[in-house]
Amino acid sequence: MAQLATIAVLNLHLDTIMSFVILSAFIYVGCNLCADLAYAWLDPRVREKL
């Protein structure tokens, strides 16, 4: 995936670059959401505040 992004940047394939950035952002947000939910599930002090 990184090789595809590198080739796209070097060849200025804007559609591929935009797709890679959007996909990376969704993965980042999804991982952060999972971490927050896991933290709330594991720590009872956080559940009291919800």
Protein backbone atom coordinates (compact mmCIF):
# COMPACT_ATOMS: atom_id res chain seq x y z
CA MET A 1 0.00 0.00 0.00
CA ALA A 2 2.84 2.36 0.78
CA GLN A 3 4.47 1.52 -2.54
CA LEU A 4 1.23 2.37 -4.35
CA ALA A 5 1.05 5.71 -2.54
CA THR A 6 4.68 6.47 -3.33
CA ILE A 7 4.25 5.70 -7.02
CA ALA A 8 1.07 7.79 -7.11
CA VAL A 9 2.86 10.78 -5.57
CA LEU A 10 5.82 10.49 -7.92
CA ASN A 11 3.54 10.26 -10.97
CA LEU A 12 1.03 12.85 -9.68
CA HIS A 13 -1.98 10.51 -9.80
CA LEU A 14 -4.28 12.75 -7.79
CA ASP A 15 -7.23 10.35 -7.62
CA THR A 16 -5.06 7.64 -6.10
CA ILE A 17 -3.48 10.09 -3.64
CA MET A 18 -6.89 11.38 -2.50
CA SER A 19 -8.19 7.83 -2.11
CA PHE A 20 -5.16 6.87 -0.05
CA VAL A 21 -5.53 9.92 2.22
CA ILE A 22 -9.25 9.32 2.77
CA LEU A 23 -8.72 5.61 3.45
CA SER A 24 -5.92 6.43 5.91
CA ALA A 25 -8.16 8.94 7.70
CA PHE A 26 -10.99 6.41 8.04
CA ILE A 27 -8.61 3.79 9.41
CA TYR A 28 -7.17 6.32 11.89
CA VAL A 29 -10.61 7.42 13.10
CA GLY A 30 -11.80 3.81 13.33
CA CYS A 31 -8.80 2.77 15.42
CA ASN A 32 -9.27 5.74 17.75
CA LEU A 33 -12.97 4.92 18.15
CA CYS A 34 -12.13 1.30 18.99
CA ALA A 35 -9.52 2.41 21.52
CA ASP A 36 -11.97 4.80 23.20
CA LEU A 37 -14.68 2.15 23.39
CA ALA A 38 -12.23 -0.41 24.77
CA TYR A 39 -11.01 2.08 27.36
CA ALA A 40 -14.59 2.82 28.47
CA TRP A 41 -15.34 -0.89 28.60
CA LEU A 42 -12.25 -1.75 30.67
CA ASP A 43 -12.21 1.19 33.10
CA PRO A 44 -15.30 1.44 35.32
CA ARG A 45 -14.51 5.04 36.26
CA VAL A 46 -15.11 6.14 32.69
CA ARG A 47 -18.48 4.34 32.54
CA GLU A 48 -19.75 6.39 35.49
CA LYS A 49 -19.25 9.61 33.53
CA LEU A 50 -21.30 8.41 30.56
